[in-house]
Structure formats: structure tokens, C-alpha cells
Amino acid sequence: MQLPVEIQHAEILDWWESEHERISDALADRLPGLYYLVDQQIEEMPFTNLVRRGKFKVEHVEPIVAAWMDKIYLEFTLELDESLRASLHSLEGDKPGEGWSFKEMAVAGAALAVSASPVAAIPFFAGGLTTAGITFLGVTVGGGVLLATPVAALAGSAVLAALGPTARTKAIANLKSRLRSAIHAAIEVRVLGDADGQAHASLKGRLLSELYSVAAKRLALIE
């Protein structure tokens, strides 16, 4: 016996809302684990990589983030597939394995605006690092000033030696801390999207778009 249309609609909307909330919460909860993996690379990086940040990002950071995002995307897709089948079964009595998978229903009829892989270039910051004031050989670089020139100068072993062990360690730690913060912010946008509502492709946006597409198709099928 088929359930009334209103009940089917309610079940589908409840399913969509529940999965929407689960995806949003779970991605935010898992993000610190990705930060930890990236922080390990930053902590171990040679000081000269602070000058060549683009090369460091491409060779050391992007592979970690890309692999993490692909893994999470696959895990969530499989979980959504199981959830969809359970919801369909509660409404239609389908046996496990019957009907469309979540992925098949998500892409049926139209291609999504993003590529098959949810991973794209990470929008890392451009330009120099800034500081509230670090002293290099007696010269203080004030807050907000780009550190491209001082950083390049510090790369020289003679300058580093002249700073002394304590000052050198403090300067490097400060620069790494600022690099870490900038990379964290860029990764957050790539995984969760922009809190200000700007149009940025993100892993969360991709998953929620597919979820919405499946829910809309399910509703249309019972009209």
C-alpha cells in the first residue's frame, strides 16, 4: 500500500534536512584533523621555503589536502547512498541494492557545475606575510608591512647567524605561525565555503548540491 503523498513529502524533506545537518557538522568536526596534517609539514619545512611559499604549497600542502578531500568525499557519498536506500525502503519497501544509487540520482539528467572530483586549486593567499613588528638586525618592520624583502634577507646564512639563536628561532617561529594561519583560512574556504556567502567552490557545497539534487528528484517523482 502506497503512503499518502503528504507523508512521502515529509519523509523526503526530513531525510534531506537530517543529512544536510550531518554533512555540515561532520565536515567542521573533521577539519582540525586536516589542519594537523598540514601543520606537520609547516613545522618541518626549511626556512628557505618561507620565501618560496608557492613551491611549498604545490609540493607539500596541496597533495595532503587533495587526498584528504577525495577520501572524505568518497566516504560521505557512500554514507549518503546507504541513507538514501534506507529512506527509499521506508517509503517503498525496496530491497537493499534495488533502485538508483545516490550518485546515479545526483547526476541524472544534468551534469553538475563542478568536475567529477571535488578537489580544485586551494585559494592560498597572495603577496607577502605581515607582522605586528619584528626586529631584523636592529631594524623593526612595523605592523602591516609586507615582509618579502626581510624574509629574503633572512634566508642568507650570514644574516641568520647575525641574529643569534634566540632571535633567529623566534623570527622563524613567528613567520611559520603566520603562514600556518593563512593556510588554515584558505583550507577552510576550500572545505566549508566562505562564511560571508561569496561564491567559492567547496567540498561542503559539492556534497550539499548533490544532496539537494537527489531530494528534488525524489519529490518530483511522487508528484
Protein backbone atom coordinates (compact mmCIF):
# COMPACT_ATOMS: atom_id res chain seq x y z
CA MET A 1 0.00 0.00 0.00
CA GLN A 2 1.42 3.34 -1.08
CA LEU A 3 1.69 6.03 1.54
CA PRO A 4 -0.13 9.34 1.01
CA VAL A 5 1.79 11.94 -0.97
CA GLU A 6 1.99 14.28 2.02
CA ILE A 7 3.68 11.63 4.14
CA GLN A 8 6.14 10.82 1.38
CA HIS A 9 6.97 14.51 1.00
CA ALA A 10 7.51 14.83 4.75
CA GLU A 11 9.80 11.80 4.83
CA ILE A 12 11.93 13.08 1.96
CA LEU A 13 12.23 16.56 3.47
CA ASP A 14 13.12 15.10 6.86
CA TRP A 15 15.78 12.95 5.18
CA TRP A 16 17.19 15.96 3.33
CA GLU A 17 17.28 18.14 6.45
CA SER A 18 18.90 15.43 8.56
CA GLU A 19 21.62 14.70 6.01
CA HIS A 20 22.22 18.42 5.39
CA GLU A 21 22.86 18.96 9.10
CA ARG A 22 25.01 15.84 9.39
CA ILE A 23 27.25 16.84 6.48
CA SER A 24 27.72 20.39 7.79
CA ASP A 25 28.55 19.26 11.32
CA ALA A 26 30.77 16.32 10.33
CA LEU A 27 32.92 18.34 7.93
CA ALA A 28 33.51 21.03 10.55
CA ASP A 29 34.40 18.36 13.12
CA ARG A 30 36.92 16.70 10.79
CA LEU A 31 38.66 19.87 9.64
CA PRO A 32 41.09 20.05 12.62
CA GLY A 33 42.47 16.66 11.55
CA LEU A 34 43.41 18.15 8.18
CA TYR A 35 44.98 21.16 9.88
CA TYR A 36 47.13 18.80 11.94
CA LEU A 37 48.47 17.04 8.83
CA VAL A 38 49.33 20.36 7.17
CA ASP A 39 50.85 21.80 10.36
CA GLN A 40 53.28 18.89 10.50
CA GLN A 41 54.57 19.86 7.06
CA ILE A 42 54.90 23.52 8.04
CA GLU A 43 56.72 22.64 11.25
CA GLU A 44 59.26 20.53 9.35
CA MET A 45 59.76 22.94 6.43
CA PRO A 46 63.20 24.53 5.91
CA PHE A 47 63.29 28.27 6.45
CA THR A 48 64.05 28.91 2.77
CA ASN A 49 60.57 27.54 1.93
CA LEU A 50 59.09 30.58 3.68
CA VAL A 51 60.46 32.56 0.76
CA ARG A 52 59.23 30.04 -1.85
CA ARG A 53 55.75 29.57 -0.38
CA GLY A 54 54.17 28.78 -3.74
CA LYS A 55 56.54 25.87 -4.34
CA PHE A 56 55.97 24.60 -0.79
CA LYS A 57 52.20 24.77 -1.25
CA VAL A 58 52.27 22.86 -4.53
CA GLU A 59 54.72 20.16 -3.43
CA HIS A 60 53.77 19.63 0.22
CA VAL A 61 50.38 21.12 1.12
CA GLU A 62 48.14 20.60 -1.90
CA PRO A 63 48.74 16.81 -2.13
CA ILE A 64 47.72 16.41 1.52
CA VAL A 65 44.57 18.50 1.13
CA ALA A 66 43.61 16.87 -2.19
CA ALA A 67 43.98 13.34 -0.82
CA TRP A 68 42.02 14.25 2.31
CA MET A 69 39.18 15.81 0.33
CA ASP A 70 38.93 12.89 -2.09
CA LYS A 71 38.82 10.47 0.84
CA ILE A 72 36.14 12.44 2.71
CA TYR A 73 34.08 12.92 -0.46
CA LEU A 74 34.07 9.18 -1.12
CA GLU A 75 33.19 8.37 2.50
CA PHE A 76 30.28 10.81 2.54
CA THR A 77 28.98 9.61 -0.84
CA LEU A 78 28.90 6.01 0.41
CA GLU A 79 27.15 7.10 3.63
CA LEU A 80 24.60 9.10 1.63
CA ASP A 81 23.97 6.09 -0.57
CA GLU A 82 23.20 3.93 2.46
CA SER A 83 21.00 6.65 3.91
CA LEU A 84 19.11 7.05 0.63
CA ARG A 85 18.46 3.32 0.35
CA ALA A 86 17.15 3.23 3.92
CA SER A 87 14.83 6.15 3.21
CA LEU A 88 13.57 4.58 -0.01
CA HIS A 89 12.98 1.31 1.78
CA SER A 90 10.90 3.02 4.47
CA LEU A 91 8.65 4.52 1.78
CA GLU A 92 8.59 1.90 -0.95
CA GLY A 93 9.76 -1.32 0.63
CA ASP A 94 12.64 -1.66 -1.83
CA LYS A 95 15.09 -4.42 -1.04
CA PRO A 96 18.73 -3.43 -0.43
CA GLY A 97 20.51 -2.93 -3.72
CA GLU A 98 17.38 -2.14 -5.76
CA GLY A 99 16.83 1.22 -7.42
CA TRP A 100 19.27 4.01 -8.14
CA SER A 101 22.32 4.78 -6.07
CA PHE A 102 22.77 8.22 -4.54
CA LYS A 103 25.45 9.15 -7.09
CA GLU A 104 23.36 8.00 -10.04
CA MET A 105 20.39 10.05 -8.90
CA ALA A 106 22.54 13.09 -8.10
CA VAL A 107 23.91 13.40 -11.63
CA ALA A 108 20.90 12.07 -13.57
CA GLY A 109 19.59 14.45 -16.20
CA ALA A 110 22.24 17.15 -15.91
CA ALA A 111 25.94 17.49 -15.22
CA LEU A 112 26.93 19.36 -12.07
CA ALA A 113 28.77 22.63 -12.43
CA VAL A 114 31.92 21.20 -10.88
CA SER A 115 34.20 18.45 -12.04
CA ALA A 116 33.86 14.78 -11.18
CA SER A 117 36.48 15.26 -8.49
CA PRO A 118 35.60 17.77 -5.75
CA VAL A 119 39.22 18.86 -5.46
CA ALA A 120 40.35 22.06 -7.12
CA ALA A 121 43.19 24.51 -6.53
CA ILE A 122 43.33 25.79 -2.97
CA PRO A 123 42.85 29.59 -2.93
CA PHE A 124 46.00 30.40 -0.99
CA PHE A 125 46.87 33.97 -0.14
CA ALA A 126 49.00 36.08 -2.43
CA GLY A 127 51.67 38.61 -1.51
CA GLY A 128 53.97 38.82 1.46
CA LEU A 129 53.45 37.91 5.09
CA THR A 130 52.63 40.65 7.56
CA THR A 131 53.73 41.21 11.13
CA ALA A 132 52.91 43.36 14.10
CA GLY A 133 56.61 44.21 14.38
CA ILE A 134 59.72 42.05 14.15
CA THR A 135 63.24 43.38 14.53
CA PHE A 136 65.86 42.32 11.98
CA LEU A 137 69.41 43.40 12.81
CA GLY A 138 68.14 46.33 14.82
CA VAL A 139 65.56 47.44 12.23
CA THR A 140 61.91 46.95 13.19
CA VAL A 141 59.42 46.21 10.43
CA GLY A 142 56.14 47.74 11.59
CA GLY A 143 52.67 46.20 11.66
CA GLY A 144 51.04 45.54 8.32
CA VAL A 145 54.24 45.87 6.30
CA LEU A 146 54.92 43.14 3.78
CA LEU A 147 57.90 41.02 4.74
CA ALA A 148 59.04 39.92 1.30
CA THR A 149 62.36 41.78 1.49
CA PRO A 150 63.22 40.96 5.14
CA VAL A 151 62.26 37.32 4.61
CA ALA A 152 64.52 37.08 1.58
CA ALA A 153 67.32 38.71 3.54
CA LEU A 154 66.88 36.28 6.43
CA ALA A 155 67.34 33.37 4.04
CA GLY A 156 71.01 34.18 3.92
CA SER A 157 73.03 32.18 6.41
CA ALA A 158 75.12 35.21 7.39
CA VAL A 159 72.03 37.20 8.36
CA LEU A 160 70.58 34.29 10.28
CA ALA A 161 73.81 33.83 12.15
CA ALA A 162 73.98 37.53 12.98
CA LEU A 163 70.52 37.40 14.55
CA GLY A 164 71.68 34.89 17.14
CA PRO A 165 70.00 31.59 18.06
CA THR A 166 67.20 33.03 20.21
CA ALA A 167 66.20 35.84 17.85
CA ARG A 168 66.51 33.57 14.83
CA THR A 169 64.29 30.89 16.36
CA LYS A 170 61.70 33.47 17.41
CA ALA A 171 61.62 35.09 13.97
CA ILE A 172 61.22 31.78 12.16
CA ALA A 173 58.51 30.61 14.57
CA ASN A 174 56.62 33.86 14.06
CA LEU A 175 56.73 33.59 10.28
CA LYS A 176 55.66 29.94 10.35
CA SER A 177 52.76 30.83 12.66
CA ARG A 178 51.53 33.44 10.21
CA LEU A 179 51.93 31.08 7.29
CA ARG A 180 50.00 28.42 9.21
CA SER A 181 47.12 30.81 9.92
CA ALA A 182 46.90 31.89 6.28
CA ILE A 183 46.89 28.30 5.02
CA HIS A 184 44.25 27.28 7.58
CA ALA A 185 41.99 30.10 6.40
CA ALA A 186 42.42 29.07 2.75
CA ILE A 187 41.70 25.42 3.54
CA GLU A 188 38.57 26.33 5.49
CA VAL A 189 37.18 28.15 2.44
CA ARG A 190 38.01 25.16 0.22
CA VAL A 191 36.35 22.64 2.53
CA LEU A 192 33.46 24.58 4.10
CA GLY A 193 32.97 27.55 1.78
CA ASP A 194 33.05 31.25 2.59
CA ALA A 195 31.16 32.34 5.70
CA ASP A 196 30.46 35.67 4.00
CA GLY A 197 28.50 33.96 1.27
CA GLN A 198 30.97 34.58 -1.53
CA ALA A 199 30.91 32.19 -4.48
CA HIS A 200 33.69 29.70 -3.75
CA ALA A 201 33.64 26.06 -4.79
CA SER A 202 33.95 23.86 -1.73
CA LEU A 203 33.67 20.25 -0.66
CA LYS A 204 30.67 21.08 1.53
CA GLY A 205 28.99 22.92 -1.33
CA ARG A 206 29.51 19.97 -3.65
CA LEU A 207 28.02 17.46 -1.22
CA LEU A 208 25.05 19.68 -0.34
CA SER A 209 24.37 20.37 -4.02
CA GLU A 210 24.23 16.66 -4.74
CA LEU A 211 22.00 16.10 -1.70
CA TYR A 212 19.61 18.82 -2.85
CA SER A 213 19.55 17.39 -6.37
CA VAL A 214 18.58 13.93 -5.09
CA ALA A 215 15.90 15.29 -2.76
CA ALA A 216 14.40 17.42 -5.55
CA LYS A 217 14.30 14.45 -7.93
CA ARG A 218 12.64 12.27 -5.28
CA LEU A 219 9.97 14.90 -4.68
CA ALA A 220 9.36 15.29 -8.42
CA LEU A 221 8.90 11.53 -8.86
CA ILE A 222 5.95 11.40 -6.48
CA GLU A 223 4.11 14.47 -7.76
